[in-house]
Amino acid sequence: MNYSKKKRNSWTDHYTHKAKKDGFPARSVYKLKEMQRKFRLIRKGDRVLDLGCAPGSWLKYTADQVGKGGHVVGVDLKPVLISLPAHVQIFTGDVFEMFEVLSKLAGAGYNIVLSDMAPETTGHKSVDAARSFELSLMALTLAQKLLLPKGRFVCKIFQGENFQHYMELIKTTFEKHKNFKPKSTRKASREIYILGFERR
């Protein structure tokens, strides 16, 4: 059997097939759905910033949750190719070079910042965790600048030696926080989602 095909098929599971059936480009949508059901993160009329938004599953789901009265802005280095409603705007490029643009689009600020960003993995846990920490730190910095008071934050991070330091930063930024690992996360994954509530 061709190795690349075998490797690709090994990542295919129930959620992969379900995403295709439900019209989403990636299985990651079910992680956000779990968080939404449990914590009601996204609300009608919200202004949302989605960091690392490709291939668009979180954008599509979030657009439905905020409704036509909301506004969703997505940024990724990779293009988003799916069709999305008019109240979604997408930018292809480095999110950390777009601060001024993202700030203007939000008006007074965003109600919630979502980050599902992940580094290109190397297979070395410590290296991958360090790279994930850097992305997560950048996402938190943007959230600190762009979130409205009482705003909410969701960020994926790989657990590693910097994890506790990151949690301390979360605690100083938000009144409340939760660590959450969705059931739809792959068992072998070291990723976890940090949720911040009520930005100080």
C-alpha atoms as a PDB file:
ATOM      1  CA  MET A   1       0.000   0.000   0.000  1.00  0.00           C
ATOM      2  CA  ASN A   2       1.196   3.518  -0.768  1.00  0.00           C
ATOM      3  CA  TYR A   3       2.586   5.003   2.466  1.00  0.00           C
ATOM      4  CA  SER A   4       1.137   8.491   2.013  1.00  0.00           C
ATOM      5  CA  LYS A   5      -2.307   7.060   1.367  1.00  0.00           C
ATOM      6  CA  LYS A   6      -2.048   4.775   4.382  1.00  0.00           C
ATOM      7  CA  LYS A   7      -0.975   7.686   6.589  1.00  0.00           C
ATOM      8  CA  ARG A   8      -3.804   9.861   5.329  1.00  0.00           C
ATOM      9  CA  ASN A   9      -6.391   7.147   5.885  1.00  0.00           C
ATOM     10  CA  SER A  10      -5.148   6.557   9.438  1.00  0.00           C
ATOM     11  CA  TRP A  11      -6.356  10.060  10.344  1.00  0.00           C
ATOM     12  CA  THR A  12      -9.828   9.431   8.938  1.00  0.00           C
ATOM     13  CA  ASP A  13     -12.420   8.665  11.602  1.00  0.00           C
ATOM     14  CA  HIS A  14     -16.091   8.997  12.512  1.00  0.00           C
ATOM     15  CA  TYR A  15     -15.823  12.775  12.882  1.00  0.00           C
ATOM     16  CA  THR A  16     -14.082  13.133   9.521  1.00  0.00           C
ATOM     17  CA  HIS A  17     -16.958  11.381   7.757  1.00  0.00           C
ATOM     18  CA  LYS A  18     -19.544  13.236   9.805  1.00  0.00           C
ATOM     19  CA  ALA A  19     -18.008  16.609   8.894  1.00  0.00           C
ATOM     20  CA  LYS A  20     -18.214  15.775   5.201  1.00  0.00           C
ATOM     21  CA  LYS A  21     -21.827  14.655   5.599  1.00  0.00           C
ATOM     22  CA  ASP A  22     -22.728  17.820   7.534  1.00  0.00           C
ATOM     23  CA  GLY A  23     -21.085  20.107   4.977  1.00  0.00           C
ATOM     24  CA  PHE A  24     -18.004  21.167   6.932  1.00  0.00           C
ATOM     25  CA  PRO A  25     -14.466  21.029   5.487  1.00  0.00           C
ATOM     26  CA  ALA A  26     -12.856  19.696   8.680  1.00  0.00           C
ATOM     27  CA  ARG A  27     -13.691  17.615  11.757  1.00  0.00           C
ATOM     28  CA  SER A  28     -12.515  20.429  14.070  1.00  0.00           C
ATOM     29  CA  VAL A  29     -16.019  21.905  13.983  1.00  0.00           C
ATOM     30  CA  TYR A  30     -17.175  19.315  16.522  1.00  0.00           C
ATOM     31  CA  LYS A  31     -14.680  20.582  19.076  1.00  0.00           C
ATOM     32  CA  LEU A  32     -16.184  24.054  18.839  1.00  0.00           C
ATOM     33  CA  LYS A  33     -19.695  22.620  18.925  1.00  0.00           C
ATOM     34  CA  GLU A  34     -18.902  20.803  22.174  1.00  0.00           C
ATOM     35  CA  MET A  35     -17.561  23.988  23.735  1.00  0.00           C
ATOM     36  CA  GLN A  36     -20.568  25.963  22.545  1.00  0.00           C
ATOM     37  CA  ARG A  37     -23.032  23.478  24.021  1.00  0.00           C
ATOM     38  CA  LYS A  38     -21.232  23.428  27.358  1.00  0.00           C
ATOM     39  CA  PHE A  39     -20.257  27.081  27.773  1.00  0.00           C
ATOM     40  CA  ARG A  40     -22.439  29.123  25.359  1.00  0.00           C
ATOM     41  CA  LEU A  41     -19.407  31.012  24.142  1.00  0.00           C
ATOM     42  CA  ILE A  42     -20.862  32.495  20.958  1.00  0.00           C
ATOM     43  CA  ARG A  43     -24.008  34.593  21.116  1.00  0.00           C
ATOM     44  CA  LYS A  44     -26.382  36.217  18.653  1.00  0.00           C
ATOM     45  CA  GLY A  45     -25.034  39.507  17.369  1.00  0.00           C
ATOM     46  CA  ASP A  46     -21.463  38.877  18.556  1.00  0.00           C
ATOM     47  CA  ARG A  47     -18.415  40.264  16.796  1.00  0.00           C
ATOM     48  CA  VAL A  48     -15.991  37.341  16.479  1.00  0.00           C
ATOM     49  CA  LEU A  49     -12.345  37.076  15.477  1.00  0.00           C
ATOM     50  CA  ASP A  50     -11.259  33.600  14.299  1.00  0.00           C
ATOM     51  CA  LEU A  51      -7.467  33.148  14.205  1.00  0.00           C
ATOM     52  CA  GLY A  52      -6.161  30.278  12.100  1.00  0.00           C
ATOM     53  CA  CYS A  53      -9.550  29.961  10.438  1.00  0.00           C
ATOM     54  CA  ALA A  54      -8.718  27.717   7.440  1.00  0.00           C
ATOM     55  CA  PRO A  55     -10.229  25.570   6.053  1.00  0.00           C
ATOM     56  CA  GLY A  56     -13.343  27.320   7.403  1.00  0.00           C
ATOM     57  CA  SER A  57     -15.302  24.934   9.627  1.00  0.00           C
ATOM     58  CA  TRP A  58     -15.227  27.240  12.646  1.00  0.00           C
ATOM     59  CA  LEU A  59     -16.123  30.225  10.446  1.00  0.00           C
ATOM     60  CA  LYS A  60     -19.165  28.488   9.024  1.00  0.00           C
ATOM     61  CA  TYR A  61     -20.419  27.305  12.405  1.00  0.00           C
ATOM     62  CA  THR A  62     -19.751  30.649  14.096  1.00  0.00           C
ATOM     63  CA  ALA A  63     -21.527  32.575  11.343  1.00  0.00           C
ATOM     64  CA  ASP A  64     -24.652  30.539  12.034  1.00  0.00           C
ATOM     65  CA  GLN A  65     -24.379  31.086  15.789  1.00  0.00           C
ATOM     66  CA  VAL A  66     -24.029  34.885  15.615  1.00  0.00           C
ATOM     67  CA  GLY A  67     -26.704  35.272  12.949  1.00  0.00           C
ATOM     68  CA  LYS A  68     -26.956  38.008  10.325  1.00  0.00           C
ATOM     69  CA  GLY A  69     -26.725  40.669  13.026  1.00  0.00           C
ATOM     70  CA  GLY A  70     -23.258  39.462  14.007  1.00  0.00           C
ATOM     71  CA  HIS A  71     -19.901  39.856  12.307  1.00  0.00           C
ATOM     72  CA  VAL A  72     -17.197  37.218  11.918  1.00  0.00           C
ATOM     73  CA  VAL A  73     -13.632  37.982  10.828  1.00  0.00           C
ATOM     74  CA  GLY A  74     -11.274  35.135   9.953  1.00  0.00           C
ATOM     75  CA  VAL A  75      -7.526  35.199   9.301  1.00  0.00           C
ATOM     76  CA  ASP A  76      -5.172  32.458   8.145  1.00  0.00           C
ATOM     77  CA  LEU A  77      -1.992  32.021   6.162  1.00  0.00           C
ATOM     78  CA  LYS A  78      -3.901  29.561   3.991  1.00  0.00           C
ATOM     79  CA  PRO A  79      -6.908  30.586   1.856  1.00  0.00           C
ATOM     80  CA  VAL A  80     -10.450  29.607   2.818  1.00  0.00           C
ATOM     81  CA  LEU A  81     -12.175  28.156  -0.226  1.00  0.00           C
ATOM     82  CA  ILE A  82     -15.680  27.377   1.035  1.00  0.00           C
ATOM     83  CA  SER A  83     -18.702  29.610   0.479  1.00  0.00           C
ATOM     84  CA  LEU A  84     -19.651  31.718   3.496  1.00  0.00           C
ATOM     85  CA  PRO A  85     -22.430  34.244   4.252  1.00  0.00           C
ATOM     86  CA  ALA A  86     -22.060  37.989   3.795  1.00  0.00           C
ATOM     87  CA  HIS A  87     -21.445  38.739   7.470  1.00  0.00           C
ATOM     88  CA  VAL A  88     -18.130  36.811   7.335  1.00  0.00           C
ATOM     89  CA  GLN A  89     -14.896  38.485   6.197  1.00  0.00           C
ATOM     90  CA  ILE A  90     -11.723  36.523   5.471  1.00  0.00           C
ATOM     91  CA  PHE A  91      -8.127  37.719   5.238  1.00  0.00           C
ATOM     92  CA  THR A  92      -5.281  35.588   3.936  1.00  0.00           C
ATOM     93  CA  GLY A  93      -1.985  36.500   5.554  1.00  0.00           C
ATOM     94  CA  ASP A  94      -0.130  36.767   8.849  1.00  0.00           C
ATOM     95  CA  VAL A  95      -2.639  37.632  11.554  1.00  0.00           C
ATOM     96  CA  PHE A  96       0.032  39.304  13.656  1.00  0.00           C
ATOM     97  CA  GLU A  97       0.764  41.839  10.926  1.00  0.00           C
ATOM     98  CA  MET A  98      -2.903  42.858  10.661  1.00  0.00           C
ATOM     99  CA  PHE A  99      -3.560  44.433  14.048  1.00  0.00           C
ATOM    100  CA  GLU A 100      -4.726  47.806  12.718  1.00  0.00           C
ATOM    101  CA  VAL A 101      -7.038  46.241  10.109  1.00  0.00           C
ATOM    102  CA  LEU A 102      -8.567  43.826  12.602  1.00  0.00           C
ATOM    103  CA  SER A 103      -9.058  46.608  15.117  1.00  0.00           C
ATOM    104  CA  LYS A 104     -10.921  48.809  12.644  1.00  0.00           C
ATOM    105  CA  LEU A 105     -13.175  45.963  11.542  1.00  0.00           C
ATOM    106  CA  ALA A 106     -14.295  45.343  15.122  1.00  0.00           C
ATOM    107  CA  GLY A 107     -15.268  48.909  15.849  1.00  0.00           C
ATOM    108  CA  ALA A 108     -15.202  49.110  19.646  1.00  0.00           C
ATOM    109  CA  GLY A 109     -13.850  45.576  19.933  1.00  0.00           C
ATOM    110  CA  TYR A 110     -14.647  41.881  19.620  1.00  0.00           C
ATOM    111  CA  ASN A 111     -16.933  39.924  21.921  1.00  0.00           C
ATOM    112  CA  ILE A 112     -14.900  36.770  21.444  1.00  0.00           C
ATOM    113  CA  VAL A 113     -11.542  35.756  19.992  1.00  0.00           C
ATOM    114  CA  LEU A 114     -11.132  32.155  18.828  1.00  0.00           C
ATOM    115  CA  SER A 115      -7.754  30.605  18.084  1.00  0.00           C
ATOM    116  CA  ASP A 116      -7.416  27.110  16.672  1.00  0.00           C
ATOM    117  CA  MET A 117      -3.915  27.862  15.424  1.00  0.00           C
ATOM    118  CA  ALA A 118      -1.356  25.061  15.478  1.00  0.00           C
ATOM    119  CA  PRO A 119       2.263  24.935  14.313  1.00  0.00           C
ATOM    120  CA  GLU A 120       3.628  22.668  11.638  1.00  0.00           C
ATOM    121  CA  THR A 121       4.489  19.665  13.792  1.00  0.00           C
ATOM    122  CA  THR A 122       7.937  18.078  13.841  1.00  0.00           C
ATOM    123  CA  GLY A 123       7.172  14.937  15.835  1.00  0.00           C
ATOM    124  CA  HIS A 124       9.313  16.208  18.716  1.00  0.00           C
ATOM    125  CA  LYS A 125       6.905  16.914  21.566  1.00  0.00           C
ATOM    126  CA  SER A 126       9.004  19.584  23.275  1.00  0.00           C
ATOM    127  CA  VAL A 127       9.614  21.474  20.017  1.00  0.00           C
ATOM    128  CA  ASP A 128       5.962  21.285  18.971  1.00  0.00           C
ATOM    129  CA  ALA A 129       4.798  22.406  22.431  1.00  0.00           C
ATOM    130  CA  ALA A 130       7.195  25.372  22.355  1.00  0.00           C
ATOM    131  CA  ARG A 131       5.937  26.436  18.928  1.00  0.00           C
ATOM    132  CA  SER A 132       2.336  26.059  20.061  1.00  0.00           C
ATOM    133  CA  PHE A 133       3.081  28.194  23.122  1.00  0.00           C
ATOM    134  CA  GLU A 134       4.420  30.994  20.917  1.00  0.00           C
ATOM    135  CA  LEU A 135       1.275  30.967  18.761  1.00  0.00           C
ATOM    136  CA  SER A 136      -0.951  30.852  21.829  1.00  0.00           C
ATOM    137  CA  LEU A 137       0.941  33.737  23.395  1.00  0.00           C
ATOM    138  CA  MET A 138       0.473  35.824  20.262  1.00  0.00           C
ATOM    139  CA  ALA A 139      -3.239  34.990  20.196  1.00  0.00           C
ATOM    140  CA  LEU A 140      -3.603  36.053  23.831  1.00  0.00           C
ATOM    141  CA  THR A 141      -1.759  39.314  23.112  1.00  0.00           C
ATOM    142  CA  LEU A 142      -4.224  40.083  20.332  1.00  0.00           C
ATOM    143  CA  ALA A 143      -7.139  39.178  22.588  1.00  0.00           C
ATOM    144  CA  GLN A 144      -5.841  41.526  25.286  1.00  0.00           C
ATOM    145  CA  LYS A 145      -5.777  44.354  22.749  1.00  0.00           C
ATOM    146  CA  LEU A 146      -8.955  43.643  20.784  1.00  0.00           C
ATOM    147  CA  LEU A 147     -11.455  42.106  23.196  1.00  0.00           C
ATOM    148  CA  LEU A 148     -14.199  44.176  24.771  1.00  0.00           C
ATOM    149  CA  PRO A 149     -14.360  44.231  28.577  1.00  0.00           C
ATOM    150  CA  LYS A 150     -16.098  41.016  29.679  1.00  0.00           C
ATOM    151  CA  GLY A 151     -15.075  39.468  26.341  1.00  0.00           C
ATOM    152  CA  ARG A 152     -14.337  35.766  25.882  1.00  0.00           C
ATOM    153  CA  PHE A 153     -11.354  33.836  24.543  1.00  0.00           C
ATOM    154  CA  VAL A 154     -10.777  30.297  23.225  1.00  0.00           C
ATOM    155  CA  CYS A 155      -7.273  29.094  22.433  1.00  0.00           C
ATOM    156  CA  LYS A 156      -5.770  25.734  21.507  1.00  0.00           C
ATOM    157  CA  ILE A 157      -2.385  24.925  23.003  1.00  0.00           C
ATOM    158  CA  PHE A 158      -0.174  21.837  23.132  1.00  0.00           C
ATOM    159  CA  GLN A 159       0.640  20.926  26.720  1.00  0.00           C
ATOM    160  CA  GLY A 160       4.333  21.314  27.526  1.00  0.00           C
ATOM    161  CA  GLU A 161       6.762  22.986  29.892  1.00  0.00           C
ATOM    162  CA  ASN A 162       5.333  26.480  29.234  1.00  0.00           C
ATOM    163  CA  PHE A 163       1.735  25.453  29.897  1.00  0.00           C
ATOM    164  CA  GLN A 164       1.599  26.629  33.538  1.00  0.00           C
ATOM    165  CA  HIS A 165       3.137  29.967  32.603  1.00  0.00           C
ATOM    166  CA  TYR A 166       0.441  30.407  29.969  1.00  0.00           C
ATOM    167  CA  MET A 167      -2.252  29.625  32.533  1.00  0.00           C
ATOM    168  CA  GLU A 168      -0.882  32.353  34.808  1.00  0.00           C
ATOM    169  CA  LEU A 169      -1.222  34.841  31.960  1.00  0.00           C
ATOM    170  CA  ILE A 170      -4.801  33.712  31.368  1.00  0.00           C
ATOM    171  CA  LYS A 171      -5.628  34.190  35.052  1.00  0.00           C
ATOM    172  CA  THR A 172      -4.354  37.762  35.019  1.00  0.00           C
ATOM    173  CA  THR A 173      -6.366  38.591  31.889  1.00  0.00           C
ATOM    174  CA  PHE A 174      -9.742  36.967  32.646  1.00  0.00           C
ATOM    175  CA  GLU A 175     -11.979  36.761  35.692  1.00  0.00           C
ATOM    176  CA  LYS A 176     -12.712  33.093  35.030  1.00  0.00           C
ATOM    177  CA  HIS A 177     -11.119  30.343  32.988  1.00  0.00           C
ATOM    178  CA  LYS A 178     -11.581  26.687  32.069  1.00  0.00           C
ATOM    179  CA  ASN A 179      -9.391  23.982  30.558  1.00  0.00           C
ATOM    180  CA  PHE A 180     -11.331  21.781  28.176  1.00  0.00           C
ATOM    181  CA  LYS A 181     -10.465  18.766  26.047  1.00  0.00           C
ATOM    182  CA  PRO A 182     -13.353  17.975  23.685  1.00  0.00           C
ATOM    183  CA  LYS A 183     -14.390  14.365  23.212  1.00  0.00           C
ATOM    184  CA  SER A 184     -13.789  14.807  19.486  1.00  0.00           C
ATOM    185  CA  THR A 185     -10.076  15.507  20.082  1.00  0.00           C
ATOM    186  CA  ARG A 186      -7.918  12.643  18.838  1.00  0.00           C
ATOM    187  CA  LYS A 187      -6.749  10.427  21.711  1.00  0.00           C
ATOM    188  CA  ALA A 188      -3.085  10.765  20.763  1.00  0.00           C
ATOM    189  CA  SER A 189      -3.239  14.560  20.727  1.00  0.00           C
ATOM    190  CA  ARG A 190      -1.659  16.671  23.491  1.00  0.00           C
ATOM    191  CA  GLU A 191      -3.797  19.654  22.582  1.00  0.00           C
ATOM    192  CA  ILE A 192      -6.159  21.287  25.048  1.00  0.00           C
ATOM    193  CA  TYR A 193      -8.367  24.350  24.804  1.00  0.00           C
ATOM    194  CA  ILE A 194      -8.088  27.223  27.253  1.00  0.00           C
ATOM    195  CA  LEU A 195     -11.263  29.259  27.710  1.00  0.00           C
ATOM    196  CA  GLY A 196     -11.180  32.721  29.224  1.00  0.00           C
ATOM    197  CA  PHE A 197     -14.341  34.482  30.413  1.00  0.00           C
ATOM    198  CA  GLU A 198     -14.924  38.120  31.364  1.00  0.00           C
ATOM    199  CA  ARG A 199     -11.813  39.944  30.218  1.00  0.00           C
ATOM    200  CA  ARG A 200     -10.595  42.204  33.002  1.00  0.00           C
END
